[in-house]
Amino acid sequence: MIGVDGNRIFETYMDDVSNADIYIVGYTKSGVTFFTNAYDKSLEVSDEWTEIDCSTEAPSAIGLIWEVKQTGISANNDMGLRKNGSTDDRHSDVDRYNCFGAVIGCDASQICEGWIDWTGVD
């Protein structure tokens, strides 16, 4: 998910346009906030679901928009995000994407949970 300017325009960059397509699959109206610079919420613990407190950055949020990056190389590059208190145990291989976005619900205290194989995925 990305923000647009006042004219509802966004920009993209691709090395080779013959190998990628861009689709719009939905939109939001008022009430969504995009930060100019991302907040680092990297996890320090691997192989367990860890609470991520976003109450300072998103004090009234009901959902959170994430950018996940692979910052190192390992055989294990799985990560997961879920709403706080959920028992979902879904992981995705970051190595496939290098970087991707996610939209995850949070609880009333703006907390969600994250899981990583190792600290090079975050």
N, C-alpha and C. Protein backbone atom coordinates (compact mmCIF):
# COMPACT_ATOMS: atom_id res chain seq x y z
N MET A 1 0.85 -1.16 0.00
CA MET A 1 0.00 0.00 0.00
C MET A 1 0.90 1.23 0.00
N ILE A 2 0.58 2.17 -0.84
CA ILE A 2 1.38 3.39 -0.93
C ILE A 2 0.48 4.62 -0.90
N GLY A 3 1.03 5.72 -0.52
CA GLY A 3 0.30 6.98 -0.52
C GLY A 3 0.38 7.66 -1.88
N VAL A 4 -0.50 8.62 -2.07
CA VAL A 4 -0.50 9.42 -3.30
C VAL A 4 -0.40 10.89 -2.92
N ASP A 5 -0.07 11.73 -3.89
CA ASP A 5 0.00 13.16 -3.61
C ASP A 5 -1.38 13.80 -3.72
N GLY A 6 -1.44 15.12 -3.62
CA GLY A 6 -2.71 15.83 -3.67
C GLY A 6 -3.48 15.64 -4.97
N ASN A 7 -2.80 15.25 -6.03
CA ASN A 7 -3.43 14.98 -7.32
C ASN A 7 -3.73 13.50 -7.52
N ARG A 8 -3.56 12.72 -6.44
CA ARG A 8 -3.78 11.26 -6.46
C ARG A 8 -2.83 10.54 -7.42
N ILE A 9 -1.58 10.98 -7.42
CA ILE A 9 -0.55 10.39 -8.28
C ILE A 9 0.53 9.77 -7.40
N PHE A 10 0.99 8.58 -7.79
CA PHE A 10 2.15 7.97 -7.15
C PHE A 10 3.18 7.67 -8.21
N GLU A 11 4.41 7.45 -7.78
CA GLU A 11 5.49 7.15 -8.71
C GLU A 11 6.04 5.76 -8.43
N THR A 12 6.57 5.14 -9.47
CA THR A 12 7.21 3.84 -9.33
C THR A 12 8.48 3.82 -10.17
N TYR A 13 9.38 2.92 -9.82
CA TYR A 13 10.62 2.75 -10.58
C TYR A 13 10.82 1.27 -10.84
N MET A 14 11.16 0.91 -12.07
CA MET A 14 11.49 -0.47 -12.43
C MET A 14 12.70 -0.47 -13.34
N ASP A 15 13.61 -1.41 -13.10
CA ASP A 15 14.77 -1.57 -13.98
C ASP A 15 14.36 -2.03 -15.36
N ASP A 16 13.36 -2.92 -15.42
CA ASP A 16 12.95 -3.52 -16.69
C ASP A 16 11.44 -3.67 -16.69
N VAL A 17 10.74 -2.80 -17.39
CA VAL A 17 9.28 -2.82 -17.39
C VAL A 17 8.70 -4.03 -18.09
N SER A 18 9.50 -4.77 -18.85
CA SER A 18 8.99 -5.96 -19.53
C SER A 18 8.80 -7.13 -18.57
N ASN A 19 9.34 -7.04 -17.35
CA ASN A 19 9.24 -8.14 -16.39
C ASN A 19 8.33 -7.85 -15.21
N ALA A 20 7.55 -6.78 -15.26
CA ALA A 20 6.69 -6.44 -14.13
C ALA A 20 5.45 -5.71 -14.60
N ASP A 21 4.37 -5.91 -13.89
CA ASP A 21 3.12 -5.19 -14.12
C ASP A 21 2.71 -4.54 -12.81
N ILE A 22 1.99 -3.44 -12.88
CA ILE A 22 1.48 -2.76 -11.70
C ILE A 22 -0.04 -2.70 -11.81
N TYR A 23 -0.74 -3.12 -10.76
CA TYR A 23 -2.19 -3.12 -10.73
C TYR A 23 -2.68 -2.34 -9.52
N ILE A 24 -3.75 -1.60 -9.68
CA ILE A 24 -4.44 -1.02 -8.54
C ILE A 24 -5.56 -1.99 -8.17
N VAL A 25 -5.61 -2.38 -6.91
CA VAL A 25 -6.60 -3.38 -6.49
C VAL A 25 -7.57 -2.83 -5.45
N GLY A 26 -7.47 -1.57 -5.15
CA GLY A 26 -8.37 -0.95 -4.19
C GLY A 26 -7.87 0.43 -3.85
N TYR A 27 -8.58 1.10 -2.95
CA TYR A 27 -8.17 2.43 -2.54
C TYR A 27 -8.75 2.75 -1.17
N THR A 28 -8.23 3.78 -0.55
CA THR A 28 -8.77 4.28 0.71
C THR A 28 -9.17 5.73 0.50
N LYS A 29 -9.96 6.22 1.41
CA LYS A 29 -10.33 7.63 1.38
C LYS A 29 -9.72 8.30 2.59
N SER A 30 -10.46 9.13 3.28
CA SER A 30 -9.92 9.83 4.44
C SER A 30 -9.69 8.86 5.60
N GLY A 31 -8.85 9.30 6.52
CA GLY A 31 -8.61 8.49 7.71
C GLY A 31 -7.38 7.61 7.65
N VAL A 32 -6.65 7.62 6.55
CA VAL A 32 -5.43 6.82 6.44
C VAL A 32 -4.23 7.76 6.50
N THR A 33 -3.22 7.39 7.27
CA THR A 33 -2.02 8.21 7.41
C THR A 33 -0.83 7.47 6.83
N PHE A 34 -0.07 8.14 5.97
CA PHE A 34 1.20 7.62 5.47
C PHE A 34 2.31 8.51 6.00
N PHE A 35 3.33 7.92 6.58
CA PHE A 35 4.46 8.67 7.10
C PHE A 35 5.44 9.00 5.98
N THR A 36 6.10 10.14 6.09
CA THR A 36 7.15 10.50 5.14
C THR A 36 8.31 9.53 5.24
N ASN A 37 8.69 9.17 6.45
CA ASN A 37 9.75 8.20 6.70
C ASN A 37 9.20 7.08 7.58
N ALA A 38 9.58 5.87 7.28
CA ALA A 38 9.11 4.71 8.03
C ALA A 38 9.72 4.69 9.43
N TYR A 39 8.99 4.10 10.37
CA TYR A 39 9.50 3.87 11.73
C TYR A 39 10.06 2.46 11.80
N ASP A 40 11.25 2.32 12.34
CA ASP A 40 11.90 1.02 12.47
C ASP A 40 11.30 0.26 13.65
N LYS A 41 10.63 -0.83 13.38
CA LYS A 41 10.05 -1.68 14.41
C LYS A 41 10.67 -3.08 14.34
N SER A 42 11.94 -3.14 13.97
CA SER A 42 12.64 -4.42 13.82
C SER A 42 12.57 -5.24 15.11
N LEU A 43 12.45 -6.54 14.94
CA LEU A 43 12.38 -7.45 16.08
C LEU A 43 13.78 -7.88 16.50
N GLU A 44 13.94 -8.15 17.78
CA GLU A 44 15.23 -8.59 18.31
C GLU A 44 15.22 -10.06 18.70
N VAL A 45 14.05 -10.69 18.68
CA VAL A 45 13.91 -12.09 19.08
C VAL A 45 13.42 -12.89 17.88
N SER A 46 14.03 -14.04 17.64
CA SER A 46 13.61 -14.89 16.52
C SER A 46 12.88 -16.12 17.02
N ASP A 47 12.13 -16.75 16.11
CA ASP A 47 11.42 -18.01 16.35
C ASP A 47 10.35 -17.94 17.43
N GLU A 48 9.77 -16.77 17.66
CA GLU A 48 8.62 -16.67 18.55
C GLU A 48 7.82 -15.41 18.20
N TRP A 49 6.52 -15.48 18.41
CA TRP A 49 5.67 -14.32 18.16
C TRP A 49 5.97 -13.27 19.22
N THR A 50 6.21 -12.05 18.77
CA THR A 50 6.62 -10.95 19.64
C THR A 50 5.68 -9.76 19.44
N GLU A 51 5.22 -9.17 20.54
CA GLU A 51 4.36 -7.99 20.44
C GLU A 51 5.13 -6.80 19.87
N ILE A 52 4.47 -6.05 19.00
CA ILE A 52 5.03 -4.82 18.43
C ILE A 52 4.11 -3.67 18.82
N ASP A 53 4.58 -2.79 19.66
CA ASP A 53 3.79 -1.67 20.16
C ASP A 53 3.91 -0.48 19.20
N CYS A 54 2.80 -0.08 18.62
CA CYS A 54 2.78 1.05 17.68
C CYS A 54 1.93 2.20 18.21
N SER A 55 1.68 2.22 19.52
CA SER A 55 0.79 3.23 20.10
C SER A 55 1.34 4.65 19.98
N THR A 56 2.64 4.82 19.98
CA THR A 56 3.23 6.16 19.83
C THR A 56 3.10 6.65 18.40
N GLU A 57 3.39 5.78 17.44
CA GLU A 57 3.36 6.17 16.03
C GLU A 57 1.95 6.22 15.45
N ALA A 58 1.04 5.40 15.96
CA ALA A 58 -0.31 5.29 15.40
C ALA A 58 -1.34 5.23 16.53
N PRO A 59 -1.51 6.32 17.29
CA PRO A 59 -2.28 6.28 18.53
C PRO A 59 -3.76 5.90 18.42
N SER A 60 -4.38 6.04 17.28
CA SER A 60 -5.80 5.68 17.18
C SER A 60 -6.05 4.63 16.09
N ALA A 61 -5.01 3.94 15.68
CA ALA A 61 -5.12 3.00 14.55
C ALA A 61 -5.93 1.76 14.91
N ILE A 62 -6.60 1.22 13.89
CA ILE A 62 -7.23 -0.10 14.00
C ILE A 62 -6.51 -1.11 13.11
N GLY A 63 -5.62 -0.61 12.28
CA GLY A 63 -4.80 -1.45 11.41
C GLY A 63 -3.48 -0.74 11.14
N LEU A 64 -2.48 -1.50 10.72
CA LEU A 64 -1.14 -0.96 10.50
C LEU A 64 -0.63 -1.37 9.13
N ILE A 65 0.06 -0.48 8.45
CA ILE A 65 0.61 -0.73 7.12
C ILE A 65 2.11 -0.94 7.28
N TRP A 66 2.60 -2.07 6.77
CA TRP A 66 3.99 -2.48 6.99
C TRP A 66 4.77 -2.59 5.70
N GLU A 67 6.07 -2.30 5.79
CA GLU A 67 7.03 -2.63 4.75
C GLU A 67 8.04 -3.58 5.40
N VAL A 68 8.20 -4.75 4.82
CA VAL A 68 9.10 -5.77 5.36
C VAL A 68 10.27 -5.94 4.41
N LYS A 69 11.48 -5.91 4.95
CA LYS A 69 12.68 -6.01 4.12
C LYS A 69 13.58 -7.15 4.60
N GLN A 70 14.26 -7.74 3.66
CA GLN A 70 15.33 -8.69 4.00
C GLN A 70 16.61 -7.88 4.09
N THR A 71 17.28 -7.93 5.24
CA THR A 71 18.49 -7.12 5.43
C THR A 71 19.76 -7.97 5.47
N GLY A 72 19.62 -9.27 5.33
CA GLY A 72 20.77 -10.17 5.34
C GLY A 72 20.45 -11.40 4.52
N ILE A 73 21.39 -12.32 4.43
CA ILE A 73 21.20 -13.54 3.65
C ILE A 73 21.31 -14.74 4.57
N SER A 74 20.33 -15.63 4.50
CA SER A 74 20.30 -16.84 5.31
C SER A 74 19.45 -17.86 4.59
N ALA A 75 19.58 -19.12 4.99
CA ALA A 75 18.72 -20.16 4.43
C ALA A 75 17.29 -20.00 4.94
N ASN A 76 17.13 -19.37 6.10
CA ASN A 76 15.81 -19.18 6.71
C ASN A 76 15.46 -17.70 6.68
N ASN A 77 14.48 -17.35 5.88
CA ASN A 77 14.08 -15.96 5.74
C ASN A 77 12.58 -15.76 5.94
N ASP A 78 11.95 -16.58 6.75
CA ASP A 78 10.52 -16.48 6.98
C ASP A 78 10.19 -15.37 7.98
N MET A 79 9.02 -14.78 7.80
CA MET A 79 8.50 -13.80 8.75
C MET A 79 6.99 -13.88 8.75
N GLY A 80 6.37 -13.32 9.78
CA GLY A 80 4.93 -13.28 9.85
C GLY A 80 4.47 -12.07 10.64
N LEU A 81 3.26 -11.59 10.35
CA LEU A 81 2.62 -10.52 11.10
C LEU A 81 1.19 -10.97 11.39
N ARG A 82 0.67 -10.61 12.56
CA ARG A 82 -0.72 -10.94 12.89
C ARG A 82 -1.24 -9.95 13.94
N LYS A 83 -2.56 -9.89 14.05
CA LYS A 83 -3.19 -9.05 15.06
C LYS A 83 -2.85 -9.61 16.44
N ASN A 84 -2.64 -8.73 17.40
CA ASN A 84 -2.31 -9.18 18.76
C ASN A 84 -3.40 -10.08 19.31
N GLY A 85 -3.01 -11.22 19.86
CA GLY A 85 -3.94 -12.18 20.43
C GLY A 85 -4.38 -13.25 19.46
N SER A 86 -4.09 -13.09 18.18
CA SER A 86 -4.47 -14.09 17.18
C SER A 86 -3.64 -15.36 17.36
N THR A 87 -4.22 -16.48 16.96
CA THR A 87 -3.49 -17.75 16.97
C THR A 87 -3.02 -18.13 15.57
N ASP A 88 -3.26 -17.26 14.58
CA ASP A 88 -2.75 -17.53 13.23
C ASP A 88 -1.24 -17.76 13.30
N ASP A 89 -0.75 -18.70 12.52
CA ASP A 89 0.69 -18.99 12.52
C ASP A 89 1.18 -19.04 11.09
N ARG A 90 0.93 -17.96 10.35
CA ARG A 90 1.31 -17.90 8.94
C ARG A 90 2.66 -17.20 8.79
N HIS A 91 3.53 -17.80 8.00
CA HIS A 91 4.85 -17.22 7.73
C HIS A 91 5.00 -17.10 6.22
N SER A 92 5.80 -16.15 5.79
CA SER A 92 6.09 -15.98 4.37
C SER A 92 7.59 -15.86 4.19
N ASP A 93 8.08 -16.35 3.07
CA ASP A 93 9.50 -16.33 2.76
C ASP A 93 9.88 -14.98 2.16
N VAL A 94 10.54 -14.14 2.92
CA VAL A 94 10.93 -12.81 2.45
C VAL A 94 11.91 -12.91 1.29
N ASP A 95 12.69 -13.97 1.25
CA ASP A 95 13.70 -14.16 0.20
C ASP A 95 13.07 -14.12 -1.19
N ARG A 96 11.83 -14.55 -1.30
CA ARG A 96 11.13 -14.53 -2.58
C ARG A 96 10.90 -13.11 -3.08
N TYR A 97 10.75 -12.18 -2.17
CA TYR A 97 10.33 -10.83 -2.53
C TYR A 97 11.37 -9.75 -2.27
N ASN A 98 12.28 -9.98 -1.34
CA ASN A 98 13.27 -9.01 -0.88
C ASN A 98 12.62 -7.88 -0.09
N CYS A 99 11.47 -7.42 -0.51
CA CYS A 99 10.74 -6.37 0.20
C CYS A 99 9.27 -6.50 -0.19
N PHE A 100 8.38 -6.42 0.78
CA PHE A 100 6.95 -6.43 0.46
C PHE A 100 6.17 -5.70 1.54
N GLY A 101 4.91 -5.43 1.26
CA GLY A 101 4.05 -4.73 2.19
C GLY A 101 2.98 -5.63 2.76
N ALA A 102 2.44 -5.22 3.90
CA ALA A 102 1.36 -5.96 4.54
C ALA A 102 0.47 -4.97 5.28
N VAL A 103 -0.81 -5.29 5.37
CA VAL A 103 -1.76 -4.53 6.17
C VAL A 103 -2.30 -5.49 7.21
N ILE A 104 -2.12 -5.16 8.49
CA ILE A 104 -2.47 -6.05 9.59
C ILE A 104 -3.30 -5.29 10.60
N GLY A 105 -4.34 -5.92 11.12
CA GLY A 105 -5.13 -5.32 12.19
C GLY A 105 -4.32 -5.24 13.47
N CYS A 106 -4.68 -4.29 14.33
CA CYS A 106 -4.04 -4.20 15.65
C CYS A 106 -5.14 -4.15 16.70
N ASP A 107 -4.77 -4.39 17.96
CA ASP A 107 -5.77 -4.33 19.02
C ASP A 107 -6.02 -2.87 19.43
N ALA A 108 -6.86 -2.66 20.44
CA ALA A 108 -7.23 -1.30 20.86
C ALA A 108 -6.05 -0.52 21.42
N SER A 109 -4.95 -1.20 21.75
CA SER A 109 -3.74 -0.55 22.25
C SER A 109 -2.70 -0.36 21.15
N GLN A 110 -3.09 -0.58 19.89
CA GLN A 110 -2.22 -0.46 18.72
C GLN A 110 -1.03 -1.41 18.78
N ILE A 111 -1.30 -2.64 19.20
CA ILE A 111 -0.28 -3.68 19.26
C ILE A 111 -0.63 -4.78 18.28
N CYS A 112 0.36 -5.22 17.51
CA CYS A 112 0.24 -6.41 16.68
C CYS A 112 1.41 -7.31 17.04
N GLU A 113 1.56 -8.42 16.34
CA GLU A 113 2.64 -9.36 16.64
C GLU A 113 3.43 -9.67 15.39
N GLY A 114 4.74 -9.89 15.58
CA GLY A 114 5.62 -10.25 14.48
C GLY A 114 6.42 -11.49 14.82
N TRP A 115 6.83 -12.22 13.79
CA TRP A 115 7.64 -13.44 13.93
C TRP A 115 8.70 -13.44 12.85
N ILE A 116 9.94 -13.77 13.20
CA ILE A 116 11.03 -13.85 12.23
C ILE A 116 11.87 -15.09 12.49
N ASP A 117 12.45 -15.64 11.41
CA ASP A 117 13.39 -16.76 11.52
C ASP A 117 14.70 -16.33 12.17
N TRP A 118 15.16 -15.14 11.78
CA TRP A 118 16.41 -14.59 12.32
C TRP A 118 16.38 -13.09 12.15
N THR A 119 17.28 -12.38 12.79
CA THR A 119 17.21 -10.92 12.83
C THR A 119 17.61 -10.23 11.54
N GLY A 120 18.03 -10.98 10.51
CA GLY A 120 18.28 -10.40 9.20
C GLY A 120 17.02 -10.22 8.39
N VAL A 121 15.88 -10.65 8.93
CA VAL A 121 14.58 -10.48 8.29
C VAL A 121 13.79 -9.55 9.19
N ASP A 122 13.38 -8.43 8.66
CA ASP A 122 12.63 -7.50 9.49
C ASP A 122 12.07 -6.35 8.70
